[in-house]
Amino acid sequence: MPKPCREPTSRATGRSVRAAALGDYNGDGNADILWRNTTSGEIYDWLTQDNGIIGQHSFGNPGAVWSIVG
């Protein structure tokens, strides 16, 4: 289960962070963003609705062999 991210905007932004995938991860009909830090390997998501972020989570670092598909 992902953990709520207390500082997602500062943790999931910067030169080493890339949007890895878009999808409706919480089933509300809105596009959500999956981010990956290319330096640390950490993964974050932003759940969006009406042009705003309504939730955010940190999935931690699953390791270098893990890849995002989709």
PDB file of N, CA and C in Angstrom:
ATOM      1  N   MET A   1       0.848  -1.181   0.000  1.00  0.00           N
ATOM      2  CA  MET A   1       0.000   0.000   0.000  1.00  0.00           C
ATOM      3  C   MET A   1       0.892   1.243   0.000  1.00  0.00           C
ATOM      4  N   PRO A   2       0.641   2.203  -0.910  1.00  0.00           N
ATOM      5  CA  PRO A   2       1.462   3.406  -0.936  1.00  0.00           C
ATOM      6  C   PRO A   2       1.254   4.251   0.300  1.00  0.00           C
ATOM      7  N   LYS A   3       2.292   4.992   0.662  1.00  0.00           N
ATOM      8  CA  LYS A   3       2.219   5.883   1.814  1.00  0.00           C
ATOM      9  C   LYS A   3       1.936   7.298   1.340  1.00  0.00           C
ATOM     10  N   PRO A   4       1.086   8.059   2.063  1.00  0.00           N
ATOM     11  CA  PRO A   4       0.883   9.463   1.691  1.00  0.00           C
ATOM     12  C   PRO A   4       2.214  10.197   1.719  1.00  0.00           C
ATOM     13  N   CYS A   5       2.427  11.033   0.750  1.00  0.00           N
ATOM     14  CA  CYS A   5       3.669  11.785   0.642  1.00  0.00           C
ATOM     15  C   CYS A   5       3.447  13.165   1.239  1.00  0.00           C
ATOM     16  N   ARG A   6       4.196  13.513   2.269  1.00  0.00           N
ATOM     17  CA  ARG A   6       3.985  14.786   2.968  1.00  0.00           C
ATOM     18  C   ARG A   6       4.446  15.986   2.162  1.00  0.00           C
ATOM     19  N   GLU A   7       5.491  15.831   1.365  1.00  0.00           N
ATOM     20  CA  GLU A   7       6.008  16.940   0.581  1.00  0.00           C
ATOM     21  C   GLU A   7       6.163  16.535  -0.883  1.00  0.00           C
ATOM     22  N   PRO A   8       5.076  16.165  -1.540  1.00  0.00           N
ATOM     23  CA  PRO A   8       5.207  15.637  -2.894  1.00  0.00           C
ATOM     24  C   PRO A   8       5.684  16.645  -3.914  1.00  0.00           C
ATOM     25  N   THR A   9       5.271  17.888  -3.768  1.00  0.00           N
ATOM     26  CA  THR A   9       5.646  18.870  -4.774  1.00  0.00           C
ATOM     27  C   THR A   9       7.146  19.070  -4.789  1.00  0.00           C
ATOM     28  N   SER A  10       7.766  19.144  -3.620  1.00  0.00           N
ATOM     29  CA  SER A  10       9.210  19.326  -3.581  1.00  0.00           C
ATOM     30  C   SER A  10       9.942  18.023  -3.850  1.00  0.00           C
ATOM     31  N   ARG A  11       9.392  16.894  -3.463  1.00  0.00           N
ATOM     32  CA  ARG A  11      10.055  15.605  -3.660  1.00  0.00           C
ATOM     33  C   ARG A  11       9.876  15.084  -5.075  1.00  0.00           C
ATOM     34  N   ALA A  12       8.760  15.372  -5.696  1.00  0.00           N
ATOM     35  CA  ALA A  12       8.480  14.840  -7.033  1.00  0.00           C
ATOM     36  C   ALA A  12       8.638  15.905  -8.103  1.00  0.00           C
ATOM     37  N   THR A  13       9.595  16.777  -7.933  1.00  0.00           N
ATOM     38  CA  THR A  13       9.914  17.753  -8.972  1.00  0.00           C
ATOM     39  C   THR A  13      11.428  17.897  -9.032  1.00  0.00           C
ATOM     40  N   GLY A  14      11.917  18.489 -10.073  1.00  0.00           N
ATOM     41  CA  GLY A  14      13.348  18.689 -10.231  1.00  0.00           C
ATOM     42  C   GLY A  14      13.843  18.047 -11.509  1.00  0.00           C
ATOM     43  N   ARG A  15      15.112  18.249 -11.790  1.00  0.00           N
ATOM     44  CA  ARG A  15      15.693  17.765 -13.048  1.00  0.00           C
ATOM     45  C   ARG A  15      15.728  16.251 -13.150  1.00  0.00           C
ATOM     46  N   SER A  16      15.843  15.555 -12.051  1.00  0.00           N
ATOM     47  CA  SER A  16      15.954  14.098 -12.113  1.00  0.00           C
ATOM     48  C   SER A  16      14.606  13.394 -12.023  1.00  0.00           C
ATOM     49  N   VAL A  17      13.520  14.149 -11.981  1.00  0.00           N
ATOM     50  CA  VAL A  17      12.189  13.548 -11.887  1.00  0.00           C
ATOM     51  C   VAL A  17      11.485  13.660 -13.238  1.00  0.00           C
ATOM     52  N   ARG A  18      10.948  12.539 -13.680  1.00  0.00           N
ATOM     53  CA  ARG A  18      10.272  12.488 -14.973  1.00  0.00           C
ATOM     54  C   ARG A  18       8.891  11.870 -14.815  1.00  0.00           C
ATOM     55  N   ALA A  19       7.934  12.392 -15.577  1.00  0.00           N
ATOM     56  CA  ALA A  19       6.622  11.749 -15.629  1.00  0.00           C
ATOM     57  C   ALA A  19       6.820  10.415 -16.327  1.00  0.00           C
ATOM     58  N   ALA A  20       6.462   9.332 -15.665  1.00  0.00           N
ATOM     59  CA  ALA A  20       6.695   7.994 -16.199  1.00  0.00           C
ATOM     60  C   ALA A  20       5.472   7.420 -16.890  1.00  0.00           C
ATOM     61  N   ALA A  21       4.285   7.810 -16.430  1.00  0.00           N
ATOM     62  CA  ALA A  21       3.060   7.277 -17.021  1.00  0.00           C
ATOM     63  C   ALA A  21       1.875   8.129 -16.606  1.00  0.00           C
ATOM     64  N   LEU A  22       0.847   8.108 -17.427  1.00  0.00           N
ATOM     65  CA  LEU A  22      -0.429   8.747 -17.109  1.00  0.00           C
ATOM     66  C   LEU A  22      -1.497   7.677 -17.113  1.00  0.00           C
ATOM     67  N   GLY A  23      -2.457   7.800 -16.219  1.00  0.00           N
ATOM     68  CA  GLY A  23      -3.551   6.842 -16.173  1.00  0.00           C
ATOM     69  C   GLY A  23      -4.531   7.229 -15.090  1.00  0.00           C
ATOM     70  N   ASP A  24      -5.648   6.582 -15.064  1.00  0.00           N
ATOM     71  CA  ASP A  24      -6.664   6.816 -14.030  1.00  0.00           C
ATOM     72  C   ASP A  24      -6.442   5.786 -12.920  1.00  0.00           C
ATOM     73  N   TYR A  25      -5.550   6.097 -11.999  1.00  0.00           N
ATOM     74  CA  TYR A  25      -5.123   5.123 -10.993  1.00  0.00           C
ATOM     75  C   TYR A  25      -6.110   4.938  -9.843  1.00  0.00           C
ATOM     76  N   ASN A  26      -7.024   5.883  -9.653  1.00  0.00           N
ATOM     77  CA  ASN A  26      -7.997   5.725  -8.565  1.00  0.00           C
ATOM     78  C   ASN A  26      -9.431   5.546  -9.071  1.00  0.00           C
ATOM     79  N   GLY A  27      -9.613   5.408 -10.382  1.00  0.00           N
ATOM     80  CA  GLY A  27     -10.917   5.102 -10.942  1.00  0.00           C
ATOM     81  C   GLY A  27     -11.940   6.224 -10.922  1.00  0.00           C
ATOM     82  N   ASP A  28     -11.482   7.489 -10.824  1.00  0.00           N
ATOM     83  CA  ASP A  28     -12.434   8.605 -10.780  1.00  0.00           C
ATOM     84  C   ASP A  28     -12.682   9.250 -12.135  1.00  0.00           C
ATOM     85  N   GLY A  29     -12.076   8.713 -13.206  1.00  0.00           N
ATOM     86  CA  GLY A  29     -12.282   9.258 -14.533  1.00  0.00           C
ATOM     87  C   GLY A  29     -11.335  10.382 -14.905  1.00  0.00           C
ATOM     88  N   ASN A  30     -10.393  10.723 -14.037  1.00  0.00           N
ATOM     89  CA  ASN A  30      -9.433  11.793 -14.303  1.00  0.00           C
ATOM     90  C   ASN A  30      -8.031  11.207 -14.474  1.00  0.00           C
ATOM     91  N   ALA A  31      -7.230  11.858 -15.310  1.00  0.00           N
ATOM     92  CA  ALA A  31      -5.851  11.413 -15.528  1.00  0.00           C
ATOM     93  C   ALA A  31      -5.010  11.695 -14.286  1.00  0.00           C
ATOM     94  N   ASP A  32      -4.235  10.720 -13.871  1.00  0.00           N
ATOM     95  CA  ASP A  32      -3.318  10.851 -12.752  1.00  0.00           C
ATOM     96  C   ASP A  32      -1.897  10.676 -13.293  1.00  0.00           C
ATOM     97  N   ILE A  33      -0.887  11.123 -12.543  1.00  0.00           N
ATOM     98  CA  ILE A  33       0.488  11.132 -13.021  1.00  0.00           C
ATOM     99  C   ILE A  33       1.356  10.257 -12.124  1.00  0.00           C
ATOM    100  N   LEU A  34       2.140   9.392 -12.754  1.00  0.00           N
ATOM    101  CA  LEU A  34       3.118   8.581 -12.046  1.00  0.00           C
ATOM    102  C   LEU A  34       4.493   9.160 -12.360  1.00  0.00           C
ATOM    103  N   TRP A  35       5.246   9.515 -11.315  1.00  0.00           N
ATOM    104  CA  TRP A  35       6.555  10.138 -11.454  1.00  0.00           C
ATOM    105  C   TRP A  35       7.636   9.163 -11.019  1.00  0.00           C
ATOM    106  N   ARG A  36       8.816   9.259 -11.632  1.00  0.00           N
ATOM    107  CA  ARG A  36       9.972   8.478 -11.181  1.00  0.00           C
ATOM    108  C   ARG A  36      11.194   9.383 -11.124  1.00  0.00           C
ATOM    109  N   ASN A  37      11.893   9.329  -9.988  1.00  0.00           N
ATOM    110  CA  ASN A  37      13.142  10.049  -9.827  1.00  0.00           C
ATOM    111  C   ASN A  37      14.227   9.183 -10.462  1.00  0.00           C
ATOM    112  N   THR A  38      14.842   9.672 -11.536  1.00  0.00           N
ATOM    113  CA  THR A  38      15.811   8.874 -12.277  1.00  0.00           C
ATOM    114  C   THR A  38      17.135   8.717 -11.535  1.00  0.00           C
ATOM    115  N   THR A  39      17.370   9.531 -10.525  1.00  0.00           N
ATOM    116  CA  THR A  39      18.589   9.414  -9.734  1.00  0.00           C
ATOM    117  C   THR A  39      18.403   8.442  -8.575  1.00  0.00           C
ATOM    118  N   SER A  40      17.340   8.639  -7.794  1.00  0.00           N
ATOM    119  CA  SER A  40      17.128   7.809  -6.602  1.00  0.00           C
ATOM    120  C   SER A  40      16.293   6.558  -6.878  1.00  0.00           C
ATOM    121  N   GLY A  41      15.501   6.568  -7.966  1.00  0.00           N
ATOM    122  CA  GLY A  41      14.619   5.444  -8.279  1.00  0.00           C
ATOM    123  C   GLY A  41      13.267   5.518  -7.591  1.00  0.00           C
ATOM    124  N   GLU A  42      13.063   6.525  -6.738  1.00  0.00           N
ATOM    125  CA  GLU A  42      11.789   6.649  -6.028  1.00  0.00           C
ATOM    126  C   GLU A  42      10.648   6.920  -6.998  1.00  0.00           C
ATOM    127  N   ILE A  43       9.458   6.437  -6.623  1.00  0.00           N
ATOM    128  CA  ILE A  43       8.262   6.592  -7.447  1.00  0.00           C
ATOM    129  C   ILE A  43       7.174   7.289  -6.633  1.00  0.00           C
ATOM    130  N   TYR A  44       6.482   8.227  -7.279  1.00  0.00           N
ATOM    131  CA  TYR A  44       5.413   9.003  -6.661  1.00  0.00           C
ATOM    132  C   TYR A  44       4.216   9.019  -7.595  1.00  0.00           C
ATOM    133  N   ASP A  45       3.033   9.247  -7.049  1.00  0.00           N
ATOM    134  CA  ASP A  45       1.895   9.515  -7.919  1.00  0.00           C
ATOM    135  C   ASP A  45       1.172  10.759  -7.445  1.00  0.00           C
ATOM    136  N   TRP A  46       0.557  11.426  -8.385  1.00  0.00           N
ATOM    137  CA  TRP A  46      -0.323  12.557  -8.107  1.00  0.00           C
ATOM    138  C   TRP A  46      -1.689  12.174  -8.638  1.00  0.00           C
ATOM    139  N   LEU A  47      -2.688  12.165  -7.774  1.00  0.00           N
ATOM    140  CA  LEU A  47      -4.072  11.928  -8.176  1.00  0.00           C
ATOM    141  C   LEU A  47      -4.688  13.288  -8.444  1.00  0.00           C
ATOM    142  N   THR A  48      -5.286  13.468  -9.616  1.00  0.00           N
ATOM    143  CA  THR A  48      -5.791  14.782 -10.001  1.00  0.00           C
ATOM    144  C   THR A  48      -7.296  14.782 -10.207  1.00  0.00           C
ATOM    145  N   GLN A  49      -7.862  15.973 -10.095  1.00  0.00           N
ATOM    146  CA  GLN A  49      -9.290  16.184 -10.348  1.00  0.00           C
ATOM    147  C   GLN A  49      -9.509  17.665 -10.569  1.00  0.00           C
ATOM    148  N   ASP A  50     -10.220  18.013 -11.623  1.00  0.00           N
ATOM    149  CA  ASP A  50     -10.537  19.413 -11.924  1.00  0.00           C
ATOM    150  C   ASP A  50      -9.296  20.303 -11.905  1.00  0.00           C
ATOM    151  N   ASN A  51      -8.252  19.860 -12.597  1.00  0.00           N
ATOM    152  CA  ASN A  51      -7.002  20.618 -12.740  1.00  0.00           C
ATOM    153  C   ASN A  51      -6.252  20.848 -11.430  1.00  0.00           C
ATOM    154  N   GLY A  52      -6.455  20.006 -10.439  1.00  0.00           N
ATOM    155  CA  GLY A  52      -5.723  20.126  -9.186  1.00  0.00           C
ATOM    156  C   GLY A  52      -5.318  18.756  -8.651  1.00  0.00           C
ATOM    157  N   ILE A  53      -4.343  18.758  -7.778  1.00  0.00           N
ATOM    158  CA  ILE A  53      -3.884  17.523  -7.151  1.00  0.00           C
ATOM    159  C   ILE A  53      -4.739  17.270  -5.919  1.00  0.00           C
ATOM    160  N   ILE A  54      -5.394  16.101  -5.863  1.00  0.00           N
ATOM    161  CA  ILE A  54      -6.253  15.781  -4.722  1.00  0.00           C
ATOM    162  C   ILE A  54      -5.636  14.732  -3.804  1.00  0.00           C
ATOM    163  N   GLY A  55      -4.595  14.092  -4.273  1.00  0.00           N
ATOM    164  CA  GLY A  55      -3.914  13.085  -3.461  1.00  0.00           C
ATOM    165  C   GLY A  55      -2.551  12.805  -4.026  1.00  0.00           C
ATOM    166  N   GLN A  56      -1.657  12.347  -3.173  1.00  0.00           N
ATOM    167  CA  GLN A  56      -0.304  12.053  -3.611  1.00  0.00           C
ATOM    168  C   GLN A  56       0.299  11.001  -2.686  1.00  0.00           C
ATOM    169  N   HIS A  57       1.109  10.141  -3.278  1.00  0.00           N
ATOM    170  CA  HIS A  57       1.675   9.036  -2.518  1.00  0.00           C
ATOM    171  C   HIS A  57       3.114   8.784  -2.938  1.00  0.00           C
ATOM    172  N   SER A  58       3.869   8.217  -2.042  1.00  0.00           N
ATOM    173  CA  SER A  58       5.211   7.766  -2.352  1.00  0.00           C
ATOM    174  C   SER A  58       5.206   6.244  -2.299  1.00  0.00           C
ATOM    175  N   PHE A  59       5.735   5.623  -3.336  1.00  0.00           N
ATOM    176  CA  PHE A  59       5.839   4.171  -3.380  1.00  0.00           C
ATOM    177  C   PHE A  59       7.231   3.714  -2.981  1.00  0.00           C
ATOM    178  N   GLY A  60       8.102   4.661  -2.635  1.00  0.00           N
ATOM    179  CA  GLY A  60       9.466   4.324  -2.266  1.00  0.00           C
ATOM    180  C   GLY A  60      10.293   3.970  -3.495  1.00  0.00           C
ATOM    181  N   ASN A  61      11.347   3.225  -3.276  1.00  0.00           N
ATOM    182  CA  ASN A  61      12.250   2.818  -4.346  1.00  0.00           C
ATOM    183  C   ASN A  61      12.161   1.314  -4.515  1.00  0.00           C
ATOM    184  N   PRO A  62      11.535   0.853  -5.601  1.00  0.00           N
ATOM    185  CA  PRO A  62      11.383  -0.588  -5.805  1.00  0.00           C
ATOM    186  C   PRO A  62      12.655  -1.273  -6.306  1.00  0.00           C
ATOM    187  N   GLY A  63      13.691  -0.518  -6.618  1.00  0.00           N
ATOM    188  CA  GLY A  63      14.946  -1.098  -7.093  1.00  0.00           C
ATOM    189  C   GLY A  63      15.185  -0.835  -8.563  1.00  0.00           C
ATOM    190  N   ALA A  64      16.428  -0.951  -8.958  1.00  0.00           N
ATOM    191  CA  ALA A  64      16.830  -0.612 -10.322  1.00  0.00           C
ATOM    192  C   ALA A  64      16.255  -1.547 -11.378  1.00  0.00           C
ATOM    193  N   VAL A  65      15.955  -2.792 -11.021  1.00  0.00           N
ATOM    194  CA  VAL A  65      15.454  -3.737 -12.017  1.00  0.00           C
ATOM    195  C   VAL A  65      13.959  -3.561 -12.298  1.00  0.00           C
ATOM    196  N   TRP A  66      13.285  -2.790 -11.491  1.00  0.00           N
ATOM    197  CA  TRP A  66      11.863  -2.545 -11.653  1.00  0.00           C
ATOM    198  C   TRP A  66      11.659  -1.477 -12.711  1.00  0.00           C
ATOM    199  N   SER A  67      10.733  -1.675 -13.639  1.00  0.00           N
ATOM    200  CA  SER A  67      10.472  -0.667 -14.658  1.00  0.00           C
ATOM    201  C   SER A  67       8.971  -0.411 -14.761  1.00  0.00           C
ATOM    202  N   ILE A  68       8.644   0.789 -15.201  1.00  0.00           N
ATOM    203  CA  ILE A  68       7.258   1.198 -15.366  1.00  0.00           C
ATOM    204  C   ILE A  68       6.846   0.895 -16.802  1.00  0.00           C
ATOM    205  N   VAL A  69       5.755   0.189 -16.971  1.00  0.00           N
ATOM    206  CA  VAL A  69       5.264  -0.173 -18.290  1.00  0.00           C
ATOM    207  C   VAL A  69       3.860   0.384 -18.442  1.00  0.00           C
ATOM    208  N   GLY A  70       3.610   1.075 -19.538  1.00  0.00           N
ATOM    209  CA  GLY A  70       2.264   1.572 -19.774  1.00  0.00           C
ATOM    210  C   GLY A  70       2.198   3.005 -20.103  1.00  0.00           C
TER     211      GLY A  70
END
